[in-house]
C-alpha atoms as a PDB file:
ATOM      1  CA  LEU A   1     123.211 138.734  92.226  1.00  0.00           C
ATOM      2  CA  VAL A   2     125.358 135.683  91.725  1.00  0.00           C
ATOM      3  CA  LYS A   3     123.214 134.389  88.746  1.00  0.00           C
ATOM      4  CA  GLU A   4     124.368 137.501  86.762  1.00  0.00           C
ATOM      5  CA  ARG A   5     127.883 136.290  87.255  1.00  0.00           C
ATOM      6  CA  GLY A   6     127.147 132.795  86.060  1.00  0.00           C
ATOM      7  CA  ILE A   7     126.863 131.053  89.420  1.00  0.00           C
ATOM      8  CA  THR A   8     123.924 128.912  90.249  1.00  0.00           C
ATOM      9  CA  ILE A   9     123.309 128.078  93.892  1.00  0.00           C
ATOM     10  CA  GLU A  10     121.302 124.881  94.348  1.00  0.00           C
ATOM     11  CA  LYS A  11     121.614 124.188  98.100  1.00  0.00           C
ATOM     12  CA  VAL A  12     122.851 126.141 101.073  1.00  0.00           C
ATOM     13  CA  ALA A  13     123.391 124.392 104.394  1.00  0.00           C
ATOM     14  CA  LEU A  14     122.861 126.736 107.308  1.00  0.00           C
ATOM     15  CA  ARG A  15     124.706 125.606 110.466  1.00  0.00           C
ATOM     16  CA  GLN A  16     123.871 128.469 112.771  1.00  0.00           C
ATOM     17  CA  ILE A  17     121.418 131.376 112.652  1.00  0.00           C
ATOM     18  CA  THR A  18     121.738 134.282 115.068  1.00  0.00           C
ATOM     19  CA  LEU A  19     118.661 136.236 115.628  1.00  0.00           C
ATOM     20  CA  PRO A  20     118.651 139.728 116.873  1.00  0.00           C
ATOM     21  CA  ALA A  21     118.394 139.995 120.703  1.00  0.00           C
ATOM     22  CA  GLY A  22     115.006 141.743 120.557  1.00  0.00           C
ATOM     23  CA  LEU A  23     113.547 138.924 118.427  1.00  0.00           C
ATOM     24  CA  THR A  24     114.969 136.182 120.791  1.00  0.00           C
ATOM     25  CA  ALA A  25     113.613 137.931 123.789  1.00  0.00           C
ATOM     26  CA  ALA A  26     110.164 138.220 122.095  1.00  0.00           C
ATOM     27  CA  ILE A  27     110.246 134.571 121.208  1.00  0.00           C
ATOM     28  CA  GLU A  28     111.126 133.574 124.770  1.00  0.00           C
ATOM     29  CA  GLU A  29     108.339 135.785 126.242  1.00  0.00           C
ATOM     30  CA  LYS A  30     105.933 134.245 123.976  1.00  0.00           C
ATOM     31  CA  LEU A  31     106.987 130.670 124.999  1.00  0.00           C
ATOM     32  CA  LYS A  32     106.793 131.664 128.609  1.00  0.00           C
ATOM     33  CA  ALA A  33     103.256 133.213 128.187  1.00  0.00           C
ATOM     34  CA  GLU A  34     102.140 129.989 126.356  1.00  0.00           C
ATOM     35  CA  GLN A  35     103.493 127.735 129.221  1.00  0.00           C
ATOM     36  CA  GLU A  36     101.822 129.906 131.787  1.00  0.00           C
ATOM     37  CA  SER A  37      98.580 129.746 129.922  1.00  0.00           C
ATOM     38  CA  GLN A  38      98.817 125.991 129.842  1.00  0.00           C
ATOM     39  CA  ARG A  39      99.698 125.860 133.457  1.00  0.00           C
ATOM     40  CA  MET A  40      96.720 127.893 134.429  1.00  0.00           C
ATOM     41  CA  GLN A  41      94.370 125.777 132.203  1.00  0.00           C
ATOM     42  CA  PHE A  42      95.683 122.726 134.070  1.00  0.00           C
ATOM     43  CA  VAL A  43      95.135 124.412 137.442  1.00  0.00           C
ATOM     44  CA  LEU A  44      91.625 125.342 136.360  1.00  0.00           C
ATOM     45  CA  GLN A  45      90.850 121.818 135.244  1.00  0.00           C
ATOM     46  CA  ARG A  46      92.238 120.333 138.496  1.00  0.00           C
ATOM     47  CA  GLU A  47      90.161 122.761 140.596  1.00  0.00           C
ATOM     48  CA  GLN A  48      87.015 122.012 138.526  1.00  0.00           C
ATOM     49  CA  LEU A  49      87.452 118.316 139.153  1.00  0.00           C
ATOM     50  CA  GLU A  50      87.979 119.044 142.870  1.00  0.00           C
ATOM     51  CA  ALA A  51      84.824 121.169 142.968  1.00  0.00           C
ATOM     52  CA  ASP A  52      82.841 118.245 141.119  1.00  0.00           C
ATOM     53  CA  ARG A  53      84.256 115.816 143.772  1.00  0.00           C
ATOM     54  CA  LYS A  54      83.151 118.043 146.579  1.00  0.00           C
ATOM     55  CA  ARG A  55      79.770 118.467 145.149  1.00  0.00           C
ATOM     56  CA  ILE A  56      79.215 114.666 144.835  1.00  0.00           C
ATOM     57  CA  GLU A  57      80.561 114.162 148.304  1.00  0.00           C
ATOM     58  CA  ALA A  58      78.177 116.870 149.644  1.00  0.00           C
ATOM     59  CA  GLN A  59      75.290 115.325 147.826  1.00  0.00           C
ATOM     60  CA  GLY A  60      76.162 111.958 149.367  1.00  0.00           C
ATOM     61  CA  ILE A  61      76.285 113.346 152.856  1.00  0.00           C
ATOM     62  CA  ALA A  62      72.934 115.194 152.263  1.00  0.00           C
ATOM     63  CA  ASP A  63      71.428 111.980 151.035  1.00  0.00           C
ATOM     64  CA  PHE A  64      72.731 110.100 153.963  1.00  0.00           C
ATOM     65  CA  GLN A  65      71.373 112.648 156.438  1.00  0.00           C
ATOM     66  CA  LYS A  66      67.985 112.621 154.811  1.00  0.00           C
ATOM     67  CA  ILE A  67      67.786 108.734 155.056  1.00  0.00           C
ATOM     68  CA  VAL A  68      68.924 108.679 158.570  1.00  0.00           C
ATOM     69  CA  SER A  69      66.738 111.435 159.739  1.00  0.00           C
ATOM     70  CA  GLN A  70      63.668 109.721 158.295  1.00  0.00           C
ATOM     71  CA  GLY A  71      64.477 106.629 160.414  1.00  0.00           C
ATOM     72  CA  ILE A  72      65.123 108.395 163.861  1.00  0.00           C
ATOM     73  CA  SER A  73      62.216 109.544 165.736  1.00  0.00           C
ATOM     74  CA  ASP A  74      62.127 111.462 169.083  1.00  0.00           C
ATOM     75  CA  GLN A  75      61.043 108.235 170.915  1.00  0.00           C
ATOM     76  CA  LEU A  76      64.097 106.337 169.533  1.00  0.00           C
ATOM     77  CA  LEU A  77      66.454 109.229 170.631  1.00  0.00           C
ATOM     78  CA  LYS A  78      64.947 109.154 174.085  1.00  0.00           C
ATOM     79  CA  TRP A  79      65.183 105.322 174.342  1.00  0.00           C
ATOM     80  CA  LYS A  80      68.848 105.541 173.231  1.00  0.00           C
ATOM     81  CA  GLY A  81      69.361 108.216 175.920  1.00  0.00           C
ATOM     82  CA  ILE A  82      67.895 105.937 178.616  1.00  0.00           C
ATOM     83  CA  GLU A  83      70.037 103.052 177.453  1.00  0.00           C
ATOM     84  CA  ALA A  84      73.195 105.211 177.827  1.00  0.00           C
ATOM     85  CA  THR A  85      72.133 106.366 181.229  1.00  0.00           C
ATOM     86  CA  GLU A  86      71.698 102.773 182.416  1.00  0.00           C
ATOM     87  CA  LYS A  87      75.208 101.846 181.081  1.00  0.00           C
ATOM     88  CA  LEU A  88      76.643 104.835 182.889  1.00  0.00           C
ATOM     89  CA  ALA A  89      74.744 104.016 186.106  1.00  0.00           C
ATOM     90  CA  GLN A  90      76.245 100.541 186.114  1.00  0.00           C
ATOM     91  CA  SER A  91      79.819 101.804 185.905  1.00  0.00           C
ATOM     92  CA  GLY A  92      81.412 100.811 189.279  1.00  0.00           C
ATOM     93  CA  ASN A  93      83.847 103.674 189.396  1.00  0.00           C
ATOM     94  CA  SER A  94      81.589 106.694 189.331  1.00  0.00           C
ATOM     95  CA  LYS A  95      79.075 108.274 191.563  1.00  0.00           C
ATOM     96  CA  ILE A  96      75.859 109.208 189.721  1.00  0.00           C
ATOM     97  CA  VAL A  97      73.322 111.839 190.478  1.00  0.00           C
ATOM     98  CA  VAL A  98      70.247 111.562 188.145  1.00  0.00           C
ATOM     99  CA  ILE A  99      68.171 114.732 187.622  1.00  0.00           C
ATOM    100  CA  GLY A 100      65.353 114.945 185.054  1.00  0.00           C
ATOM    101  CA  GLY A 101      66.436 117.096 182.142  1.00  0.00           C
ATOM    102  CA  LYS A 102      64.264 119.546 180.278  1.00  0.00           C
ATOM    103  CA  ASP A 103      63.840 117.252 177.266  1.00  0.00           C
ATOM    104  CA  GLY A 104      62.789 114.321 179.499  1.00  0.00           C
ATOM    105  CA  LEU A 105      66.207 112.623 179.453  1.00  0.00           C
ATOM    106  CA  PRO A 106      68.124 112.163 182.762  1.00  0.00           C
ATOM    107  CA  LEU A 107      71.272 114.154 183.283  1.00  0.00           C
ATOM    108  CA  ILE A 108      74.283 112.443 184.707  1.00  0.00           C
ATOM    109  CA  LEU A 109      76.639 114.324 186.969  1.00  0.00           C
ATOM    110  CA  ASN A 110      80.013 112.943 188.223  1.00  0.00           C
ATOM    111  CA  GLY A 111      80.034 113.134 192.053  1.00  0.00           C
ATOM    112  CA  ASN A 112      83.772 113.566 192.387  1.00  0.00           C
END
């Protein structure tokens, strides 16, 4: 339009652009949705790492239990029970009644 009147515009400096309210609201909603999506991705990554950590911990516990259970026999458990009974019987401040238990270990009852 201005060229027809002999005016040539080379540069125009825009200082402020006002968008329609509907467009501004749509842009803000899109930004909120993107931020929520990024937040959920972060939460999912964090939970995945926590699940991996728990899986590794559980495997370590299972390995430990397997190793320990291979080294513990019924005879060793009975021997440790007898040792514990002897230590309790040597206690000066308790009255002890020893009765044979169903698994072969003595039961200790406090006489008070």
